[in-house]
PDB file of N, CA and C in Angstrom:
ATOM      1  N   UNK A   1     -20.618 -14.677  23.646  1.00  0.00           N
ATOM      2  CA  UNK A   1     -20.456 -14.418  22.233  1.00  0.00           C
ATOM      3  C   UNK A   1     -18.969 -14.143  21.975  1.00  0.00           C
ATOM      4  N   UNK A   2     -18.401 -14.818  20.973  1.00  0.00           N
ATOM      5  CA  UNK A   2     -16.983 -14.630  20.682  1.00  0.00           C
ATOM      6  C   UNK A   2     -16.799 -13.602  19.563  1.00  0.00           C
ATOM      7  N   UNK A   3     -15.519 -13.285  19.274  1.00  0.00           N
ATOM      8  CA  UNK A   3     -15.226 -12.227  18.302  1.00  0.00           C
ATOM      9  C   UNK A   3     -15.706 -12.572  16.889  1.00  0.00           C
ATOM     10  N   UNK A   4     -15.688 -13.855  16.528  1.00  0.00           N
ATOM     11  CA  UNK A   4     -16.161 -14.239  15.203  1.00  0.00           C
ATOM     12  C   UNK A   4     -17.671 -14.056  15.075  1.00  0.00           C
ATOM     13  N   UNK A   5     -18.391 -14.363  16.129  1.00  0.00           N
ATOM     14  CA  UNK A   5     -19.835 -14.155  16.102  1.00  0.00           C
ATOM     15  C   UNK A   5     -20.165 -12.668  15.985  1.00  0.00           C
ATOM     16  N   UNK A   6     -19.442 -11.835  16.742  1.00  0.00           N
ATOM     17  CA  UNK A   6     -19.679 -10.391  16.698  1.00  0.00           C
ATOM     18  C   UNK A   6     -19.325  -9.804  15.335  1.00  0.00           C
ATOM     19  N   UNK A   7     -18.158 -10.164  14.826  1.00  0.00           N
ATOM     20  CA  UNK A   7     -17.734  -9.644  13.523  1.00  0.00           C
ATOM     21  C   UNK A   7     -18.672 -10.125  12.420  1.00  0.00           C
ATOM     22  N   UNK A   8     -19.105 -11.375  12.508  1.00  0.00           N
ATOM     23  CA  UNK A   8     -20.033 -11.905  11.521  1.00  0.00           C
ATOM     24  C   UNK A   8     -21.363 -11.175  11.533  1.00  0.00           C
ATOM     25  N   UNK A   9     -21.881 -10.922  12.732  1.00  0.00           N
ATOM     26  CA  UNK A   9     -23.151 -10.193  12.839  1.00  0.00           C
ATOM     27  C   UNK A   9     -23.003  -8.773  12.296  1.00  0.00           C
ATOM     28  N   UNK A  10     -21.871  -8.140  12.586  1.00  0.00           N
ATOM     29  CA  UNK A  10     -21.632  -6.776  12.098  1.00  0.00           C
ATOM     30  C   UNK A  10     -21.560  -6.753  10.570  1.00  0.00           C
ATOM     31  N   UNK A  11     -20.861  -7.717   9.976  1.00  0.00           N
ATOM     32  CA  UNK A  11     -20.770  -7.769   8.516  1.00  0.00           C
ATOM     33  C   UNK A  11     -22.109  -8.108   7.873  1.00  0.00           C
ATOM     34  N   UNK A  12     -22.890  -8.931   8.551  1.00  0.00           N
ATOM     35  CA  UNK A  12     -24.222  -9.274   8.053  1.00  0.00           C
ATOM     36  C   UNK A  12     -25.077  -8.010   7.956  1.00  0.00           C
ATOM     37  N   UNK A  13     -25.094  -7.234   9.022  1.00  0.00           N
ATOM     38  CA  UNK A  13     -25.888  -5.999   9.043  1.00  0.00           C
ATOM     39  C   UNK A  13     -25.329  -4.987   8.036  1.00  0.00           C
ATOM     40  N   UNK A  14     -24.006  -4.844   8.005  1.00  0.00           N
ATOM     41  CA  UNK A  14     -23.394  -3.897   7.070  1.00  0.00           C
ATOM     42  C   UNK A  14     -23.699  -4.293   5.624  1.00  0.00           C
ATOM     43  N   UNK A  15     -23.715  -5.575   5.359  1.00  0.00           N
ATOM     44  CA  UNK A  15     -24.049  -6.038   4.016  1.00  0.00           C
ATOM     45  C   UNK A  15     -25.471  -5.713   3.635  1.00  0.00           C
ATOM     46  N   UNK A  16     -26.381  -5.847   4.579  1.00  0.00           N
ATOM     47  CA  UNK A  16     -27.784  -5.510   4.304  1.00  0.00           C
ATOM     48  C   UNK A  16     -27.942  -4.017   4.023  1.00  0.00           C
ATOM     49  N   UNK A  17     -27.229  -3.204   4.810  1.00  0.00           N
ATOM     50  CA  UNK A  17     -27.284  -1.753   4.601  1.00  0.00           C
ATOM     51  C   UNK A  17     -26.698  -1.416   3.229  1.00  0.00           C
ATOM     52  N   UNK A  18     -25.591  -2.056   2.890  1.00  0.00           N
ATOM     53  CA  UNK A  18     -24.940  -1.812   1.605  1.00  0.00           C
ATOM     54  C   UNK A  18     -25.870  -2.213   0.450  1.00  0.00           C
ATOM     55  N   UNK A  19     -26.576  -3.312   0.607  1.00  0.00           N
ATOM     56  CA  UNK A  19     -27.530  -3.735  -0.419  1.00  0.00           C
ATOM     57  C   UNK A  19     -28.637  -2.703  -0.594  1.00  0.00           C
ATOM     58  N   UNK A  20     -29.143  -2.200   0.521  1.00  0.00           N
ATOM     59  CA  UNK A  20     -30.212  -1.200   0.461  1.00  0.00           C
ATOM     60  C   UNK A  20     -29.718   0.078  -0.204  1.00  0.00           C
ATOM     61  N   UNK A  21     -28.486   0.480   0.132  1.00  0.00           N
ATOM     62  CA  UNK A  21     -27.917   1.677  -0.487  1.00  0.00           C
ATOM     63  C   UNK A  21     -27.751   1.467  -1.993  1.00  0.00           C
ATOM     64  N   UNK A  22     -27.318   0.287  -2.374  1.00  0.00           N
ATOM     65  CA  UNK A  22     -27.179  -0.019  -3.796  1.00  0.00           C
ATOM     66  C   UNK A  22     -28.509  -0.002  -4.517  1.00  0.00           C
ATOM     67  N   UNK A  23     -29.536  -0.512  -3.850  1.00  0.00           N
ATOM     68  CA  UNK A  23     -30.865  -0.529  -4.459  1.00  0.00           C
ATOM     69  C   UNK A  23     -31.422   0.893  -4.596  1.00  0.00           C
ATOM     70  N   UNK A  24     -31.184   1.730  -3.582  1.00  0.00           N
ATOM     71  CA  UNK A  24     -31.697   3.107  -3.628  1.00  0.00           C
ATOM     72  C   UNK A  24     -31.001   3.943  -4.696  1.00  0.00           C
ATOM     73  N   UNK A  25     -29.731   3.699  -4.911  1.00  0.00           N
ATOM     74  CA  UNK A  25     -28.963   4.492  -5.873  1.00  0.00           C
ATOM     75  C   UNK A  25     -28.844   3.811  -7.232  1.00  0.00           C
ATOM     76  N   UNK A  26     -29.478   2.682  -7.387  1.00  0.00           N
ATOM     77  CA  UNK A  26     -29.382   1.885  -8.626  1.00  0.00           C
ATOM     78  C   UNK A  26     -27.932   1.535  -8.965  1.00  0.00           C
ATOM     79  N   UNK A  27     -27.138   1.284  -7.942  1.00  0.00           N
ATOM     80  CA  UNK A  27     -25.731   0.902  -8.119  1.00  0.00           C
ATOM     81  C   UNK A  27     -25.632  -0.614  -7.929  1.00  0.00           C
ATOM     82  N   UNK A  28     -25.574  -1.337  -9.044  1.00  0.00           N
ATOM     83  CA  UNK A  28     -25.557  -2.797  -8.989  1.00  0.00           C
ATOM     84  C   UNK A  28     -24.312  -3.339  -8.297  1.00  0.00           C
ATOM     85  N   UNK A  29     -23.165  -2.702  -8.524  1.00  0.00           N
ATOM     86  CA  UNK A  29     -21.930  -3.213  -7.906  1.00  0.00           C
ATOM     87  C   UNK A  29     -21.987  -3.064  -6.388  1.00  0.00           C
ATOM     88  N   UNK A  30     -22.566  -1.973  -5.898  1.00  0.00           N
ATOM     89  CA  UNK A  30     -22.716  -1.778  -4.454  1.00  0.00           C
ATOM     90  C   UNK A  30     -23.665  -2.823  -3.878  1.00  0.00           C
ATOM     91  N   UNK A  31     -24.734  -3.102  -4.612  1.00  0.00           N
ATOM     92  CA  UNK A  31     -25.700  -4.107  -4.167  1.00  0.00           C
ATOM     93  C   UNK A  31     -25.044  -5.490  -4.097  1.00  0.00           C
ATOM     94  N   UNK A  32     -24.279  -5.847  -5.132  1.00  0.00           N
ATOM     95  CA  UNK A  32     -23.603  -7.154  -5.162  1.00  0.00           C
ATOM     96  C   UNK A  32     -22.562  -7.240  -4.047  1.00  0.00           C
ATOM     97  N   UNK A  33     -21.828  -6.161  -3.809  1.00  0.00           N
ATOM     98  CA  UNK A  33     -20.871  -6.140  -2.691  1.00  0.00           C
ATOM     99  C   UNK A  33     -21.587  -6.391  -1.370  1.00  0.00           C
ATOM    100  N   UNK A  34     -22.754  -5.799  -1.234  1.00  0.00           N
ATOM    101  CA  UNK A  34     -23.540  -5.982  -0.020  1.00  0.00           C
ATOM    102  C   UNK A  34     -23.973  -7.430   0.166  1.00  0.00           C
ATOM    103  N   UNK A  35     -24.379  -8.061  -0.925  1.00  0.00           N
ATOM    104  CA  UNK A  35     -24.770  -9.475  -0.861  1.00  0.00           C
ATOM    105  C   UNK A  35     -23.577 -10.321  -0.420  1.00  0.00           C
ATOM    106  N   UNK A  36     -22.417 -10.067  -1.033  1.00  0.00           N
ATOM    107  CA  UNK A  36     -21.217 -10.831  -0.681  1.00  0.00           C
ATOM    108  C   UNK A  36     -20.830 -10.596   0.778  1.00  0.00           C
ATOM    109  N   UNK A  37     -20.931  -9.361   1.217  1.00  0.00           N
ATOM    110  CA  UNK A  37     -20.579  -9.055   2.607  1.00  0.00           C
ATOM    111  C   UNK A  37     -21.539  -9.724   3.587  1.00  0.00           C
ATOM    112  N   UNK A  38     -22.814  -9.731   3.241  1.00  0.00           N
ATOM    113  CA  UNK A  38     -23.812 -10.395   4.104  1.00  0.00           C
ATOM    114  C   UNK A  38     -23.534 -11.895   4.185  1.00  0.00           C
ATOM    115  N   UNK A  39     -23.249 -12.520   3.057  1.00  0.00           N
ATOM    116  CA  UNK A  39     -22.956 -13.959   3.043  1.00  0.00           C
ATOM    117  C   UNK A  39     -21.699 -14.251   3.853  1.00  0.00           C
ATOM    118  N   UNK A  40     -20.664 -13.429   3.666  1.00  0.00           N
ATOM    119  CA  UNK A  40     -19.440 -13.597   4.448  1.00  0.00           C
ATOM    120  C   UNK A  40     -19.692 -13.437   5.931  1.00  0.00           C
ATOM    121  N   UNK A  41     -20.534 -12.485   6.285  1.00  0.00           N
ATOM    122  CA  UNK A  41     -20.882 -12.275   7.693  1.00  0.00           C
ATOM    123  C   UNK A  41     -21.612 -13.469   8.283  1.00  0.00           C
ATOM    124  N   UNK A  42     -22.541 -14.017   7.518  1.00  0.00           N
ATOM    125  CA  UNK A  42     -23.274 -15.197   7.995  1.00  0.00           C
ATOM    126  C   UNK A  42     -22.328 -16.387   8.162  1.00  0.00           C
ATOM    127  N   UNK A  43     -21.375 -16.531   7.231  1.00  0.00           N
ATOM    128  CA  UNK A  43     -20.413 -17.639   7.329  1.00  0.00           C
ATOM    129  C   UNK A  43     -19.526 -17.479   8.557  1.00  0.00           C
ATOM    130  N   UNK A  44     -19.040 -16.266   8.799  1.00  0.00           N
ATOM    131  CA  UNK A  44     -18.176 -16.047   9.972  1.00  0.00           C
ATOM    132  C   UNK A  44     -18.963 -16.241  11.257  1.00  0.00           C
ATOM    133  N   UNK A  45     -20.203 -15.829  11.259  1.00  0.00           N
ATOM    134  CA  UNK A  45     -21.050 -16.022  12.438  1.00  0.00           C
ATOM    135  C   UNK A  45     -21.275 -17.510  12.685  1.00  0.00           C
ATOM    136  N   UNK A  46     -21.485 -18.284  11.627  1.00  0.00           N
ATOM    137  CA  UNK A  46     -21.664 -19.737  11.763  1.00  0.00           C
ATOM    138  C   UNK A  46     -20.383 -20.383  12.292  1.00  0.00           C
ATOM    139  N   UNK A  47     -19.228 -19.905  11.824  1.00  0.00           N
ATOM    140  CA  UNK A  47     -17.948 -20.411  12.338  1.00  0.00           C
ATOM    141  C   UNK A  47     -17.836 -20.108  13.836  1.00  0.00           C
ATOM    142  N   UNK A  48     -18.183 -18.902  14.227  1.00  0.00           N
ATOM    143  CA  UNK A  48     -18.154 -18.540  15.644  1.00  0.00           C
ATOM    144  C   UNK A  48     -19.097 -19.396  16.474  1.00  0.00           C
ATOM    145  N   UNK A  49     -20.270 -19.695  15.919  1.00  0.00           N
ATOM    146  CA  UNK A  49     -21.220 -20.576  16.609  1.00  0.00           C
ATOM    147  C   UNK A  49     -20.625 -21.973  16.793  1.00  0.00           C
ATOM    148  N   UNK A  50     -19.959 -22.476  15.757  1.00  0.00           N
ATOM    149  CA  UNK A  50     -19.350 -23.806  15.841  1.00  0.00           C
ATOM    150  C   UNK A  50     -18.257 -23.836  16.905  1.00  0.00           C
ATOM    151  N   UNK A  51     -17.442 -22.790  16.956  1.00  0.00           N
ATOM    152  CA  UNK A  51     -16.384 -22.715  17.970  1.00  0.00           C
ATOM    153  C   UNK A  51     -16.996 -22.717  19.368  1.00  0.00           C
ATOM    154  N   UNK A  52     -18.060 -21.954  19.550  1.00  0.00           N
ATOM    155  CA  UNK A  52     -18.735 -21.916  20.859  1.00  0.00           C
ATOM    156  C   UNK A  52     -19.304 -23.286  21.225  1.00  0.00           C
ATOM    157  N   UNK A  53     -19.882 -23.982  20.246  1.00  0.00           N
ATOM    158  CA  UNK A  53     -20.445 -25.305  20.521  1.00  0.00           C
ATOM    159  C   UNK A  53     -19.361 -26.304  20.916  1.00  0.00           C
ATOM    160  N   UNK A  54     -18.228 -26.255  20.231  1.00  0.00           N
ATOM    161  CA  UNK A  54     -17.119 -27.151  20.573  1.00  0.00           C
ATOM    162  C   UNK A  54     -16.603 -26.828  21.968  1.00  0.00           C
ATOM    163  N   UNK A  55     -16.467 -25.540  22.259  1.00  0.00           N
ATOM    164  CA  UNK A  55     -15.987 -25.120  23.584  1.00  0.00           C
ATOM    165  C   UNK A  55     -16.944 -25.598  24.685  1.00  0.00           C
ATOM    166  N   UNK A  56     -18.243 -25.446  24.459  1.00  0.00           N
ATOM    167  CA  UNK A  56     -19.228 -25.868  25.447  1.00  0.00           C
ATOM    168  C   UNK A  56     -19.193 -27.383  25.635  1.00  0.00           C
ATOM    169  N   UNK A  57     -19.041 -28.121  24.529  1.00  0.00           N
ATOM    170  CA  UNK A  57     -18.958 -29.574  24.620  1.00  0.00           C
ATOM    171  C   UNK A  57     -17.722 -29.995  25.409  1.00  0.00           C
ATOM    172  N   UNK A  58     -16.603 -29.334  25.142  1.00  0.00           N
ATOM    173  CA  UNK A  58     -15.361 -29.669  25.843  1.00  0.00           C
ATOM    174  C   UNK A  58     -15.477 -29.383  27.335  1.00  0.00           C
ATOM    175  N   UNK A  59     -16.218 -28.365  27.700  1.00  0.00           N
ATOM    176  CA  UNK A  59     -16.420 -28.061  29.122  1.00  0.00           C
ATOM    177  C   UNK A  59     -17.334 -29.084  29.783  1.00  0.00           C
ATOM    178  N   UNK A  60     -18.358 -29.553  29.061  1.00  0.00           N
ATOM    179  CA  UNK A  60     -19.294 -30.525  29.627  1.00  0.00           C
ATOM    180  C   UNK A  60     -18.705 -31.929  29.676  1.00  0.00           C
ATOM    181  N   UNK A  61     -17.976 -32.307  28.628  1.00  0.00           N
ATOM    182  CA  UNK A  61     -17.456 -33.668  28.515  1.00  0.00           C
ATOM    183  C   UNK A  61     -15.991 -33.625  28.087  1.00  0.00           C
ATOM    184  N   UNK A  62     -15.101 -33.314  29.029  1.00  0.00           N
ATOM    185  CA  UNK A  62     -13.691 -33.158  28.645  1.00  0.00           C
ATOM    186  C   UNK A  62     -13.050 -34.447  28.125  1.00  0.00           C
ATOM    187  N   UNK A  63     -13.403 -35.586  28.687  1.00  0.00           N
ATOM    188  CA  UNK A  63     -12.814 -36.850  28.238  1.00  0.00           C
ATOM    189  C   UNK A  63     -13.260 -37.147  26.803  1.00  0.00           C
ATOM    190  N   UNK A  64     -14.521 -36.913  26.501  1.00  0.00           N
ATOM    191  CA  UNK A  64     -15.028 -37.121  25.149  1.00  0.00           C
ATOM    192  C   UNK A  64     -14.358 -36.190  24.155  1.00  0.00           C
ATOM    193  N   UNK A  65     -14.105 -34.950  24.563  1.00  0.00           N
ATOM    194  CA  UNK A  65     -13.443 -33.992  23.688  1.00  0.00           C
ATOM    195  C   UNK A  65     -12.002 -34.410  23.413  1.00  0.00           C
ATOM    196  N   UNK A  66     -11.321 -34.898  24.432  1.00  0.00           N
ATOM    197  CA  UNK A  66      -9.939 -35.369  24.259  1.00  0.00           C
ATOM    198  C   UNK A  66      -9.921 -36.574  23.316  1.00  0.00           C
ATOM    199  N   UNK A  67     -10.844 -37.505  23.523  1.00  0.00           N
ATOM    200  CA  UNK A  67     -10.905 -38.694  22.671  1.00  0.00           C
ATOM    201  C   UNK A  67     -11.192 -38.306  21.216  1.00  0.00           C
ATOM    202  N   UNK A  68     -12.089 -37.360  21.021  1.00  0.00           N
ATOM    203  CA  UNK A  68     -12.401 -36.913  19.656  1.00  0.00           C
ATOM    204  C   UNK A  68     -11.181 -36.244  19.029  1.00  0.00           C
ATOM    205  N   UNK A  69     -10.465 -35.442  19.801  1.00  0.00           N
ATOM    206  CA  UNK A  69      -9.261 -34.786  19.298  1.00  0.00           C
ATOM    207  C   UNK A  69      -8.188 -35.787  18.912  1.00  0.00           C
ATOM    208  N   UNK A  70      -8.011 -36.814  19.743  1.00  0.00           N
ATOM    209  CA  UNK A  70      -7.035 -37.860  19.426  1.00  0.00           C
ATOM    210  C   UNK A  70      -7.447 -38.591  18.144  1.00  0.00           C
ATOM    211  N   UNK A  71      -8.721 -38.911  18.019  1.00  0.00           N
ATOM    212  CA  UNK A  71      -9.213 -39.595  16.827  1.00  0.00           C
ATOM    213  C   UNK A  71      -8.985 -38.776  15.567  1.00  0.00           C
ATOM    214  N   UNK A  72      -9.272 -37.486  15.634  1.00  0.00           N
ATOM    215  CA  UNK A  72      -9.057 -36.616  14.479  1.00  0.00           C
ATOM    216  C   UNK A  72      -7.564 -36.540  14.163  1.00  0.00           C
ATOM    217  N   UNK A  73      -6.724 -36.445  15.191  1.00  0.00           N
ATOM    218  CA  UNK A  73      -5.277 -36.391  14.982  1.00  0.00           C
ATOM    219  C   UNK A  73      -4.749 -37.647  14.307  1.00  0.00           C
ATOM    220  N   UNK A  74      -5.229 -38.804  14.761  1.00  0.00           N
ATOM    221  CA  UNK A  74      -4.801 -40.071  14.153  1.00  0.00           C
ATOM    222  C   UNK A  74      -5.258 -40.137  12.698  1.00  0.00           C
ATOM    223  N   UNK A  75      -6.486 -39.734  12.433  1.00  0.00           N
ATOM    224  CA  UNK A  75      -7.015 -39.753  11.069  1.00  0.00           C
ATOM    225  C   UNK A  75      -6.205 -38.840  10.153  1.00  0.00           C
ATOM    226  N   UNK A  76      -5.907 -37.640  10.615  1.00  0.00           N
ATOM    227  CA  UNK A  76      -5.110 -36.711   9.804  1.00  0.00           C
ATOM    228  C   UNK A  76      -3.714 -37.274   9.580  1.00  0.00           C
ATOM    229  N   UNK A  77      -3.123 -37.870  10.620  1.00  0.00           N
ATOM    230  CA  UNK A  77      -1.804 -38.479  10.466  1.00  0.00           C
ATOM    231  C   UNK A  77      -1.806 -39.592   9.438  1.00  0.00           C
ATOM    232  N   UNK A  78      -2.845 -40.417   9.455  1.00  0.00           N
ATOM    233  CA  UNK A  78      -2.955 -41.504   8.483  1.00  0.00           C
ATOM    234  C   UNK A  78      -3.099 -40.952   7.054  1.00  0.00           C
ATOM    235  N   UNK A  79      -3.916 -39.930   6.908  1.00  0.00           N
ATOM    236  CA  UNK A  79      -4.126 -39.337   5.586  1.00  0.00           C
ATOM    237  C   UNK A  79      -2.849 -38.697   5.052  1.00  0.00           C
ATOM    238  N   UNK A  80      -2.130 -38.004   5.907  1.00  0.00           N
ATOM    239  CA  UNK A  80      -0.897 -37.343   5.482  1.00  0.00           C
ATOM    240  C   UNK A  80       0.203 -38.347   5.163  1.00  0.00           C
ATOM    241  N   UNK A  81       0.244 -39.442   5.901  1.00  0.00           N
ATOM    242  CA  UNK A  81       1.280 -40.446   5.629  1.00  0.00           C
ATOM    243  C   UNK A  81       1.019 -41.167   4.299  1.00  0.00           C
ATOM    244  N   UNK A  82      -0.228 -41.245   3.878  1.00  0.00           N
ATOM    245  CA  UNK A  82      -0.573 -41.891   2.608  1.00  0.00           C
ATOM    246  C   UNK A  82      -0.247 -40.998   1.425  1.00  0.00           C
ATOM    247  N   UNK A  83      -0.148 -39.702   1.633  1.00  0.00           N
ATOM    248  CA  UNK A  83       0.168 -38.780   0.538  1.00  0.00           C
ATOM    249  C   UNK A  83       1.572 -39.017   0.012  1.00  0.00           C
ATOM    250  N   UNK A  84       2.464 -39.464   0.855  1.00  0.00           N
ATOM    251  CA  UNK A  84       3.851 -39.685   0.444  1.00  0.00           C
ATOM    252  C   UNK A  84       4.059 -40.939  -0.374  1.00  0.00           C
ATOM    253  N   UNK A  85       3.070 -41.814  -0.436  1.00  0.00           N
ATOM    254  CA  UNK A  85       3.220 -43.086  -1.184  1.00  0.00           C
ATOM    255  C   UNK A  85       3.151 -42.905  -2.664  1.00  0.00           C
TER     256      UNK A  85
END
């Protein structure tokens, strides 16, 4: 588990707690903050999952990972060179 997965899970749980506190105290702004924090936590956790998947793929198939990286680099280079036209 990487730091993004851990931080995302922590924010997800903290957001749920914040939502519950907002609901118990009838504080709508606290509840909305909790929803936003939970969503942000889930997004960061998903980013961490994606990083782990890429890392695992690169370990299993290093040549494929290099080829994919080169392809993405060429595509970005082509897109950036067209911006100047």
